[in-house]
Protein backbone atom coordinates (compact mmCIF):
# COMPACT_ATOMS: atom_id res chain seq x y z
CA MET A 1 -0.37 20.18 -26.50
CA PRO A 2 2.85 18.45 -25.71
CA THR A 3 3.00 14.70 -26.56
CA LEU A 4 5.56 12.12 -25.33
CA CYS A 5 6.32 8.76 -26.70
CA ARG A 6 6.67 6.31 -23.77
CA ASP A 7 8.53 3.76 -26.00
CA CYS A 8 11.43 6.21 -27.21
CA ARG A 9 10.88 9.23 -25.27
CA HIS A 10 10.41 11.37 -28.57
CA TRP A 11 9.01 14.79 -27.26
CA GLN A 12 6.82 16.99 -29.58
CA PRO A 13 4.96 20.20 -28.90
CA GLY A 14 1.85 19.22 -30.27
CA PRO A 15 -0.01 15.89 -30.90
CA PRO A 16 0.86 13.80 -33.84
CA GLY A 17 -1.12 13.47 -37.11
CA THR A 18 -1.41 9.64 -36.49
CA ALA A 19 -1.83 7.42 -33.56
CA ALA A 20 1.86 6.47 -33.64
CA CYS A 21 5.03 8.11 -32.88
CA PRO A 22 6.77 9.57 -35.93
CA ALA A 23 10.12 8.61 -34.49
CA CYS A 24 9.72 4.89 -33.54
CA ARG A 25 5.98 4.17 -34.59
CA GLY A 26 5.43 3.34 -30.94
CA ARG A 27 1.65 3.80 -29.84
CA ARG A 28 2.33 4.49 -26.11
CA LEU A 29 1.67 8.30 -26.37
CA LEU A 30 0.98 10.67 -23.47
CA HIS A 31 -0.90 13.75 -24.21
CA HIS A 32 -1.30 16.68 -21.76
CA PRO A 33 -1.52 20.50 -21.91
CA GLU A 34 0.80 20.69 -18.91
CA LEU A 35 2.81 17.59 -19.62
CA ASP A 36 5.93 19.64 -19.31
CA ARG A 37 5.22 21.27 -16.06
CA LEU A 38 3.91 18.69 -13.59
CA THR A 39 6.57 17.45 -11.46
CA ILE A 40 5.13 15.35 -8.48
CA ALA A 41 5.00 11.67 -9.30
CA HIS A 42 3.46 8.48 -7.81
CA ILE A 43 5.23 5.35 -8.80
CA ASP A 44 3.34 2.21 -8.06
CA CYS A 45 4.81 -1.46 -9.05
CA ASP A 46 2.41 -3.58 -10.78
CA ALA A 47 1.41 -6.73 -8.67
CA PHE A 48 4.85 -6.40 -6.97
CA TYR A 49 5.31 -9.99 -5.47
CA ALA A 50 4.07 -11.84 -8.43
CA ALA A 51 6.48 -9.86 -10.76
CA VAL A 52 9.20 -10.75 -8.55
CA GLU A 53 8.40 -14.19 -8.53
CA LYS A 54 7.92 -14.44 -12.40
CA ARG A 55 11.42 -12.71 -12.68
CA GLU A 56 12.66 -15.83 -10.79
CA ARG A 57 10.75 -18.28 -12.80
CA PRO A 58 10.65 -17.36 -16.47
CA ASP A 59 8.39 -20.22 -17.14
CA LEU A 60 5.58 -18.43 -15.29
CA PHE A 61 5.63 -15.46 -17.29
CA ASP A 62 2.38 -16.23 -19.41
CA ARG A 63 0.71 -18.28 -16.63
CA PRO A 64 -1.61 -17.13 -13.84
CA LEU A 65 -0.03 -16.73 -10.46
CA ILE A 66 -1.01 -16.20 -7.12
CA ILE A 67 0.99 -15.43 -4.02
CA GLY A 68 -0.31 -16.63 -0.92
CA GLY A 69 -1.15 -19.42 1.65
CA GLY A 70 -2.45 -22.96 1.30
CA THR A 71 -6.04 -23.97 0.61
CA ARG A 72 -6.98 -22.50 4.05
CA GLY A 73 -4.98 -19.24 3.53
CA VAL A 74 -5.88 -16.07 1.68
CA VAL A 75 -4.39 -14.28 -1.51
CA THR A 76 -1.53 -11.88 -0.81
CA THR A 77 -1.38 -10.70 -4.42
CA ALA A 78 -2.01 -12.17 -7.89
CA CYS A 79 -0.72 -11.43 -11.22
CA TYR A 80 -2.94 -9.70 -13.82
CA ILE A 81 -3.54 -12.72 -15.78
CA ALA A 82 -5.05 -14.27 -12.51
CA ARG A 83 -7.18 -10.97 -11.77
CA LEU A 84 -8.84 -11.49 -15.26
CA SER A 85 -10.26 -14.57 -13.71
CA GLY A 86 -11.54 -12.49 -10.77
CA VAL A 87 -8.84 -13.50 -8.27
CA ARG A 88 -8.35 -10.43 -5.74
CA SER A 89 -5.92 -9.65 -2.81
CA ALA A 90 -7.31 -11.15 0.63
CA MET A 91 -9.59 -13.48 -1.23
CA PRO A 92 -9.76 -16.99 0.46
CA MET A 93 -7.44 -19.15 -1.35
CA PHE A 94 -10.09 -21.86 -1.85
CA LYS A 95 -12.27 -19.25 -3.75
CA ALA A 96 -9.41 -17.98 -5.75
CA LEU A 97 -8.41 -21.48 -6.91
CA LYS A 98 -11.86 -22.12 -7.73
CA ALA A 99 -11.98 -18.95 -9.79
CA CYS A 100 -8.63 -19.86 -11.61
CA PRO A 101 -7.94 -23.57 -11.18
CA ASP A 102 -5.01 -23.22 -13.40
CA ALA A 103 -3.07 -20.78 -11.26
CA THR A 104 0.30 -21.73 -9.91
CA VAL A 105 0.38 -20.98 -6.03
CA ILE A 106 3.76 -19.77 -4.39
CA ALA A 107 4.38 -18.76 -0.89
CA PRO A 108 5.50 -15.14 -0.20
CA ASN A 109 9.36 -14.57 0.03
CA PHE A 110 9.50 -11.40 1.74
CA PRO A 111 13.17 -11.22 1.89
CA ARG A 112 13.25 -11.53 -2.00
CA TYR A 113 10.70 -8.57 -2.06
CA VAL A 114 12.52 -6.35 0.20
CA ALA A 115 15.68 -6.94 -1.87
CA ALA A 116 13.93 -5.81 -4.88
CA ALA A 117 12.30 -2.90 -3.28
CA ARG A 118 15.78 -1.63 -2.34
CA GLU A 119 17.01 -1.97 -5.79
CA MET A 120 13.93 -0.17 -7.06
CA ARG A 121 14.56 2.62 -4.76
CA ALA A 122 18.21 3.01 -5.64
CA LEU A 123 16.90 3.82 -9.29
CA MET A 124 14.55 6.40 -7.86
CA ARG A 125 17.07 8.11 -5.88
CA ALA A 126 18.94 8.56 -9.34
CA LEU A 127 16.11 10.69 -10.48
CA THR A 128 15.81 12.91 -7.38
CA PRO A 129 17.05 13.07 -3.76
CA LEU A 130 13.06 13.84 -2.80
CA VAL A 131 11.78 10.19 -2.92
CA GLN A 132 9.40 9.22 -0.13
CA PRO A 133 8.74 5.60 0.31
CA LEU A 134 5.03 4.87 0.97
CA SER A 135 5.09 0.91 1.14
CA ILE A 136 7.44 -1.53 -0.14
CA ASP A 137 6.21 -1.11 -3.71
CA GLU A 138 5.18 2.36 -4.03
CA ALA A 139 6.68 5.75 -3.40
CA VAL A 140 6.19 9.59 -4.29
CA LEU A 141 8.69 11.52 -6.00
CA ASP A 142 9.33 15.39 -6.54
CA LEU A 143 11.08 16.28 -9.69
CA ASP A 144 10.71 19.94 -9.41
CA GLY A 145 14.06 21.35 -10.54
CA THR A 146 15.64 18.48 -12.10
CA GLN A 147 15.05 19.36 -15.68
CA ALA A 148 18.27 20.98 -15.74
CA LEU A 149 20.19 18.04 -14.31
CA HIS A 150 18.46 15.49 -16.73
CA GLY A 151 18.13 17.82 -19.74
CA ALA A 152 14.33 16.61 -19.97
CA PRO A 153 11.23 17.39 -18.33
CA PRO A 154 10.05 15.19 -15.50
CA ALA A 155 7.46 13.24 -17.72
CA SER A 156 10.20 12.06 -20.13
CA VAL A 157 12.75 11.13 -17.14
CA LEU A 158 9.70 9.23 -15.57
CA ALA A 159 9.20 7.23 -18.94
CA GLY A 160 12.83 6.49 -18.95
CA PHE A 161 12.80 5.18 -15.47
CA ALA A 162 9.89 2.71 -16.27
CA LEU A 163 11.68 1.48 -19.33
CA ALA A 164 14.95 0.96 -17.32
CA VAL A 165 13.12 -0.70 -14.38
CA GLU A 166 11.52 -3.14 -16.98
CA ALA A 167 14.62 -3.87 -18.60
CA ARG A 168 17.00 -4.08 -15.70
CA MET A 169 14.56 -6.02 -13.07
CA GLY A 170 11.96 -7.52 -15.14
CA ILE A 171 9.22 -5.51 -13.41
CA THR A 172 6.71 -3.12 -14.68
CA VAL A 173 5.40 0.09 -13.01
CA SER A 174 2.45 2.42 -13.25
CA ILE A 175 3.07 6.11 -12.97
CA GLY A 176 1.06 9.08 -11.95
CA LEU A 177 2.21 12.55 -12.71
CA ALA A 178 0.42 15.61 -11.21
CA ALA A 179 0.71 18.76 -9.52
CA ASN A 180 0.48 17.29 -6.00
CA ARG A 181 0.65 14.10 -4.10
CA LEU A 182 -3.10 13.19 -3.97
CA MET A 183 -3.75 13.61 -7.61
CA ALA A 184 -0.48 11.84 -8.61
CA LYS A 185 -1.67 8.84 -6.62
CA LEU A 186 -5.28 9.02 -8.22
CA ALA A 187 -3.33 9.24 -11.64
CA ALA A 188 -1.27 6.18 -11.00
CA GLU A 189 -4.56 4.09 -10.48
CA ARG A 190 -6.26 5.20 -13.70
CA ASP A 191 -3.76 3.33 -16.08
CA LYS A 192 -2.68 0.16 -14.53
CA PRO A 193 -0.83 -1.96 -15.31
CA ARG A 194 2.31 -0.55 -17.17
CA GLY A 195 0.72 2.79 -17.45
CA MET A 196 1.47 6.32 -17.05
CA CYS A 197 -1.18 9.10 -16.53
CA ALA A 198 -1.05 12.72 -16.18
CA ILE A 199 -3.50 15.05 -14.34
CA GLY A 200 -3.39 18.94 -13.98
CA SER A 201 -5.62 21.75 -13.53
CA GLU A 202 -8.53 19.74 -14.82
CA ALA A 203 -8.65 17.76 -11.48
CA PRO A 204 -11.75 19.59 -9.93
CA ALA A 205 -13.70 18.65 -13.23
CA LEU A 206 -12.32 15.29 -13.27
CA LEU A 207 -13.09 14.29 -9.72
CA ALA A 208 -16.61 15.93 -9.81
CA THR A 209 -18.55 12.77 -10.96
CA GLU A 210 -16.66 10.29 -8.93
CA PRO A 211 -17.82 8.61 -5.89
CA VAL A 212 -16.78 9.94 -2.61
CA GLY A 213 -14.98 6.55 -1.89
CA LEU A 214 -12.36 7.35 -4.47
CA LEU A 215 -10.46 9.60 -1.93
CA PRO A 216 -8.03 7.87 0.19
CA GLY A 217 -9.13 7.77 3.68
CA VAL A 218 -12.86 7.74 2.91
CA GLY A 219 -13.78 4.38 4.01
CA PRO A 220 -17.18 2.47 3.81
CA ALA A 221 -18.39 4.17 7.26
CA LEU A 222 -17.53 7.79 6.18
CA ALA A 223 -18.81 7.12 2.78
CA ALA A 224 -22.10 5.84 4.50
CA ARG A 225 -22.14 8.94 6.72
CA LEU A 226 -21.78 11.14 3.71
CA ALA A 227 -24.60 9.30 1.87
CA ARG A 228 -26.89 9.92 4.61
CA LEU A 229 -26.27 13.41 4.17
CA GLY A 230 -27.13 13.36 0.55
CA ILE A 231 -23.42 13.30 -0.66
CA THR A 232 -22.46 10.51 -2.89
CA VAL A 233 -20.30 12.09 -5.45
CA LEU A 234 -17.13 14.61 -5.13
CA GLY A 235 -18.69 17.17 -7.02
CA GLN A 236 -21.38 17.61 -4.04
CA LEU A 237 -18.45 17.87 -1.63
CA GLN A 238 -16.70 20.52 -3.85
CA ARG A 239 -19.90 22.93 -3.53
CA LEU A 240 -19.47 23.21 0.16
CA ASP A 241 -17.90 26.19 1.90
CA ASP A 242 -15.68 25.88 4.87
CA ARG A 243 -18.63 26.83 7.36
CA ASP A 244 -21.02 24.28 5.77
CA ALA A 245 -18.26 21.68 5.73
CA VAL A 246 -17.56 22.18 9.50
CA SER A 247 -21.16 22.04 10.39
CA LEU A 248 -21.77 19.00 8.57
CA LEU A 249 -18.56 17.10 8.79
CA GLY A 250 -16.87 18.62 11.79
CA PRO A 251 -13.34 19.84 12.01
CA GLU A 252 -12.00 17.58 9.23
CA GLY A 253 -14.65 18.65 6.90
CA PRO A 254 -12.69 21.61 5.29
CA GLY A 255 -9.97 19.27 4.43
CA LEU A 256 -12.24 16.76 3.00
CA VAL A 257 -13.67 19.20 0.64
CA ALA A 258 -10.23 20.50 -0.12
CA ARG A 259 -9.25 17.00 -1.28
CA SER A 260 -12.35 16.65 -3.31
CA ARG A 261 -11.25 19.56 -5.37
CA GLY A 262 -7.90 17.78 -6.04
CA GLN A 263 -5.95 20.14 -3.57
CA ASP A 264 -2.99 18.69 -1.59
CA ASP A 265 -0.32 20.86 -0.01
CA ARG A 266 1.82 17.74 1.60
CA PRO A 267 5.18 17.99 0.64
CA VAL A 268 7.54 15.23 -0.62
CA ARG A 269 9.62 14.38 2.66
CA PRO A 270 12.48 11.77 1.88
CA ASP A 271 13.81 11.78 5.52
CA ARG A 272 10.22 11.14 6.95
CA ASP A 273 10.29 7.63 8.33
CA ALA A 274 7.41 5.87 9.38
CA ARG A 275 6.11 6.50 13.04
CA SER A 276 4.16 3.54 13.27
CA ILE A 277 3.34 0.20 11.53
CA SER A 278 0.06 -1.48 12.13
CA ALA A 279 -2.49 -4.34 11.00
CA GLU A 280 -6.16 -4.49 11.52
CA THR A 281 -9.22 -6.15 10.47
CA THR A 282 -13.08 -5.53 10.16
CA PHE A 283 -15.18 -8.45 11.27
CA ASP A 284 -18.29 -9.76 9.42
CA GLY A 285 -20.19 -9.20 12.62
CA ASP A 286 -20.03 -7.50 15.68
CA ILE A 287 -17.94 -9.42 18.50
CA ALA A 288 -17.98 -9.16 22.35
CA GLU A 289 -16.23 -12.45 23.44
CA LEU A 290 -12.66 -12.19 24.62
CA ALA A 291 -11.69 -15.64 23.04
CA VAL A 292 -12.84 -14.64 19.51
CA LEU A 293 -11.31 -11.12 19.76
CA GLU A 294 -8.11 -12.69 20.85
CA LYS A 295 -7.91 -15.14 18.12
CA ASN A 296 -8.41 -12.16 15.52
CA LEU A 297 -5.86 -10.17 17.36
CA TRP A 298 -3.34 -12.90 17.12
CA ARG A 299 -3.75 -13.26 13.43
CA MET A 300 -3.11 -9.48 13.30
CA ALA A 301 0.13 -9.74 15.72
CA GLU A 302 1.45 -12.18 13.10
CA LYS A 303 0.68 -9.76 10.19
CA LEU A 304 2.27 -6.93 12.11
CA ALA A 305 5.27 -9.01 12.89
CA ARG A 306 5.80 -9.76 9.19
CA ARG A 307 5.43 -6.07 8.16
CA LEU A 308 7.89 -5.08 10.83
CA GLN A 309 10.26 -7.60 9.25
CA GLU A 310 9.53 -6.16 5.64
CA ALA A 311 10.18 -2.58 6.81
CA GLU A 312 13.36 -3.72 8.82
CA ARG A 313 11.80 -2.30 11.90
CA ALA A 314 10.94 -3.26 15.47
CA ALA A 315 8.38 -2.25 18.03
CA ALA A 316 9.30 -0.40 21.15
CA GLY A 317 5.65 -0.04 21.98
CA VAL A 318 2.39 -1.70 21.19
CA VAL A 319 -0.85 0.12 20.22
CA LEU A 320 -4.36 -1.64 20.55
CA LYS A 321 -7.15 -0.36 18.53
CA LEU A 322 -10.81 -1.26 18.88
CA LYS A 323 -13.89 0.19 16.97
CA SER A 324 -17.19 -0.45 18.61
CA ALA A 325 -20.48 -1.19 16.55
CA ASP A 326 -21.37 2.55 16.86
CA PHE A 327 -18.10 3.34 15.61
CA THR A 328 -16.71 4.77 18.82
CA GLN A 329 -12.85 4.10 18.75
CA ARG A 330 -10.71 2.98 21.72
CA THR A 331 -7.01 3.33 21.50
CA ARG A 332 -4.52 1.87 24.17
CA HIS A 333 -0.90 1.99 24.37
CA VAL A 334 1.90 0.34 26.25
CA ARG A 335 5.64 0.65 26.20
CA LEU A 336 7.65 -2.45 25.91
CA ALA A 337 10.60 -3.31 28.09
CA ALA A 338 12.70 -4.06 25.09
CA PRO A 339 11.99 -3.81 21.26
CA THR A 340 10.54 -6.89 19.59
CA ARG A 341 9.21 -8.13 16.28
CA LEU A 342 8.01 -11.69 17.65
CA PRO A 343 4.48 -12.31 17.18
CA ASP A 344 4.07 -13.92 20.65
CA ARG A 345 5.49 -10.60 22.44
CA LEU A 346 3.48 -8.37 20.27
CA PHE A 347 0.21 -10.33 21.08
CA ALA A 348 1.02 -10.66 24.87
CA ALA A 349 1.23 -6.94 25.16
CA ALA A 350 -1.97 -6.22 23.12
CA ALA A 351 -3.89 -8.92 24.74
CA THR A 352 -3.29 -7.48 28.18
CA LEU A 353 -4.78 -4.31 26.85
CA LEU A 354 -7.63 -5.96 25.34
CA ALA A 355 -8.49 -7.77 28.43
CA ARG A 356 -9.07 -4.61 30.17
CA GLU A 357 -11.62 -3.41 27.45
CA ILE A 358 -14.01 -6.53 27.77
CA ASP A 359 -17.30 -4.88 29.29
CA GLY A 360 -20.05 -6.34 27.02
CA THR A 361 -19.22 -3.99 24.20
CA ARG A 362 -19.43 -5.35 20.80
CA PHE A 363 -16.57 -4.51 18.37
CA ARG A 364 -16.60 -4.25 14.75
CA LEU A 365 -12.81 -3.77 14.35
CA ILE A 366 -9.61 -4.81 16.05
CA GLY A 367 -5.89 -3.76 15.47
CA ILE A 368 -2.45 -3.78 16.61
CA GLY A 369 0.30 -1.35 15.92
CA ALA A 370 4.00 -0.83 16.72
CA GLN A 371 4.60 2.64 17.87
CA PRO A 372 7.37 3.82 18.66
CA LEU A 373 9.45 2.09 16.15
CA ALA A 374 13.02 0.87 16.77
CA PRO A 375 15.86 -0.18 14.48
CA ALA A 376 15.56 -4.04 13.58
CA ASP A 377 19.10 -4.88 15.28
CA GLN A 378 17.52 -3.89 18.60
CA ALA A 379 14.90 -6.55 18.56
CA ASP A 380 14.94 -9.49 20.79
CA ARG A 381 18.53 -9.67 21.63
CA GLY A 382 17.81 -10.72 25.29
CA ASP A 383 19.95 -10.26 28.30
CA LEU A 384 20.83 -11.60 31.81
CA VAL A 385 16.99 -11.00 32.71
CA ASP A 386 15.34 -11.91 29.36
CA THR A 387 17.15 -15.22 28.63
CA ASP A 388 14.31 -16.48 26.39
CA ALA A 389 14.41 -14.03 23.58
CA PRO A 390 17.29 -15.55 21.41
CA ARG A 391 15.42 -18.87 21.46
CA GLN A 392 11.93 -17.49 20.54
CA ARG A 393 13.63 -15.51 17.79
CA ALA A 394 15.23 -18.71 16.34
CA THR A 395 12.05 -20.65 16.74
CA GLN A 396 10.22 -17.85 14.79
CA SER A 397 12.89 -17.65 12.14
CA ALA A 398 12.67 -21.51 11.47
CA ILE A 399 8.69 -21.06 11.29
CA ASP A 400 9.25 -18.14 8.63
CA ARG A 401 11.64 -20.26 6.70
CA LEU A 402 9.16 -23.30 6.34
CA ARG A 403 6.27 -20.96 5.73
CA ALA A 404 8.41 -19.40 2.89
CA ARG A 405 9.10 -22.76 1.51
CA PHE A 406 5.87 -24.66 1.83
CA GLY A 407 2.99 -22.22 2.37
CA ALA A 408 1.60 -19.92 5.20
CA ASP A 409 -0.51 -22.93 6.57
CA VAL A 410 2.27 -25.71 6.94
CA ILE A 411 2.60 -24.49 10.41
CA GLY A 412 -0.42 -23.37 12.33
CA ARG A 413 -0.13 -21.75 15.81
CA GLY A 414 -2.60 -22.80 18.37
CA ARG A 415 -4.12 -19.10 18.77
CA GLY A 416 -4.94 -18.81 15.35
CA GLN A 417 -6.83 -22.00 14.69
């Protein structure tokens, strides 16, 4: 069984006789029968925003850190020290500080995170041209055929990458190595933080006892539907043939069964750009009132504007998404006169669509998306007809700077109160 030391990248054909590397005495050893043949990697930064902030402030290295808004805001992310106290992303800030009263709270600094992400991507592209970013802090890589270039199997190259990122950027990553994208992602989640996990042909057996919610795309609604069919673990899905899958689950059934077996034929596409960016929220209770729906829509518009800024994109169109209490989905779309990433304009377009849908239906979810996308430099430039865009853009930039310095709640917009 091939064994790799992640500390010194010493490679040996079989497991060592001791728990330590014979070359450096390190104990971070990775064993897997197919370790020298797996080529798809999922790289996920560990508590990325918090790690970037700790790099800027070494005095916070061994202290709990929360990135987020003020006492009425929510947690954007938290370092692993804070997570030991129960702090989680999207947790109300007052609950987070109650769980971890000694935590330092810092407002998000998205330009700083975008700059760090670009540096990370440059290091990834030095490994292979087949890098597909998935979010600001994660990407999937295909290292097939790179062994001759690097003089080492992908596992060794990735271990070196993790060490280089830690040394140069002060950030740690977790890596999943597998035969396809799905299993690489699941592998990356099994050994966080600073982990590296490999999954090969044992994938079906490994997944068989896991809950159906482990699969990406299986949310609470689908999990509940499967439970009503008596399917709660992936092994039960694995036993369905295509006919039964279609009969029980519809046209998407066979694909879901394939994923439950660890199968995934999606290629890594470095040139694939995001076609849309969105934000959505599920309510604690179903809502029919326009005013309450608009309040939630405004918050999602602000979140979408922030995500557009992170991605350096603008919205050329706006999509409204609604899901009713019986899980019926409505999607409405409008093309914008000019690209924008101002929350006011995103909200205005979506609110017009929302007003047309108010018919007494109670909704459990609302979302807003940007589609199609446009380059950031085309956003809110204004012209002889739209003379207000530059002023609105300057106002929003000032608000963003204040929030970055003093916290997300330093300025509250009326719609969100």
